[in-house]
Amino acid sequence: MNSSKQIASVETIASNQLEPLLDEYEFAQITKRSVASARRDRLVGKGCPYVKLGALVRYRPQDVANYIAQNLRSAK
């Protein structure tokens, strides 16, 4: 398989099977929190699960949705 076909094949697989990851600014916007709060949560080991890709921090949309659902509180 030549390299251009191989790259096209990998891109097709990735676009069909993987959802795009959110950066910390998108995460902060969705949760209505500051980026500093998200960073502090990561530092102390709490908050939403995240993916570390080298120096990059990314959030899976499904993890963000689960994090929001886990923090749902009902009125008493």
Protein backbone atom coordinates (compact mmCIF):
# COMPACT_ATOMS: atom_id res chain seq x y z
CA MET A 1 0.00 0.00 0.00
CA ASN A 2 1.49 3.35 -0.90
CA SER A 3 1.74 6.08 1.72
CA SER A 4 -1.02 8.34 0.33
CA LYS A 5 -3.53 5.48 0.33
CA GLN A 6 -2.40 4.47 3.82
CA ILE A 7 -2.85 8.03 5.12
CA ALA A 8 -6.28 8.29 3.49
CA SER A 9 -7.24 4.97 5.06
CA VAL A 10 -6.15 6.08 8.54
CA GLU A 11 -8.00 9.40 8.17
CA THR A 12 -11.17 7.56 7.09
CA ILE A 13 -10.98 5.22 10.06
CA ALA A 14 -10.32 8.09 12.47
CA SER A 15 -13.18 10.20 11.17
CA ASN A 16 -15.62 7.28 11.32
CA GLN A 17 -14.66 5.90 14.72
CA LEU A 18 -13.32 8.78 16.81
CA GLU A 19 -15.12 11.83 18.05
CA PRO A 20 -13.24 15.12 18.08
CA LEU A 21 -11.61 16.00 21.38
CA LEU A 22 -12.28 19.26 23.21
CA ASP A 23 -9.48 21.52 24.36
CA GLU A 24 -9.47 23.06 27.83
CA TYR A 25 -10.97 26.31 26.55
CA GLU A 26 -13.93 24.49 24.98
CA PHE A 27 -14.33 22.45 28.17
CA ALA A 28 -14.36 25.63 30.26
CA GLN A 29 -16.92 27.23 27.95
CA ILE A 30 -19.24 24.19 28.09
CA THR A 31 -19.06 23.92 31.89
CA LYS A 32 -19.16 27.70 32.42
CA ARG A 33 -15.99 27.55 34.49
CA SER A 34 -12.64 29.19 34.04
CA VAL A 35 -9.70 27.47 32.40
CA ALA A 36 -7.80 28.07 35.64
CA SER A 37 -10.43 26.05 37.54
CA ALA A 38 -10.08 23.15 35.11
CA ARG A 39 -6.30 23.29 35.46
CA ARG A 40 -6.54 23.38 39.25
CA ASP A 41 -8.87 20.36 39.22
CA ARG A 42 -6.37 18.42 37.11
CA LEU A 43 -3.52 19.40 39.43
CA VAL A 44 -5.29 18.06 42.52
CA GLY A 45 -6.58 14.96 40.70
CA LYS A 46 -10.30 15.70 40.65
CA GLY A 47 -12.80 16.86 38.10
CA CYS A 48 -13.46 15.57 34.63
CA PRO A 49 -11.31 12.80 33.14
CA TYR A 50 -8.96 14.07 30.45
CA VAL A 51 -6.55 12.85 27.81
CA LYS A 52 -2.92 13.94 27.86
CA LEU A 53 -1.25 14.00 24.43
CA GLY A 54 2.28 15.18 25.03
CA ALA A 55 1.82 18.68 26.44
CA LEU A 56 -1.77 18.91 25.17
CA VAL A 57 -4.79 18.36 27.39
CA ARG A 58 -7.97 17.21 25.70
CA TYR A 59 -11.40 16.11 26.91
CA ARG A 60 -13.62 13.47 25.32
CA PRO A 61 -17.16 14.83 24.83
CA GLN A 62 -18.64 11.69 26.40
CA ASP A 63 -16.51 12.22 29.53
CA VAL A 64 -17.67 15.84 29.78
CA ALA A 65 -21.31 14.75 29.48
CA ASN A 66 -20.77 12.07 32.16
CA TYR A 67 -19.00 14.57 34.42
CA ILE A 68 -21.94 16.96 34.16
CA ALA A 69 -24.44 14.14 34.80
CA GLN A 70 -22.47 12.93 37.86
CA ASN A 71 -22.67 16.40 39.36
CA LEU A 72 -26.43 16.68 39.00
CA ARG A 73 -28.08 17.45 42.31
CA SER A 74 -31.77 17.39 43.15
CA ALA A 75 -33.52 19.87 45.38
CA LYS A 76 -34.54 18.56 48.79
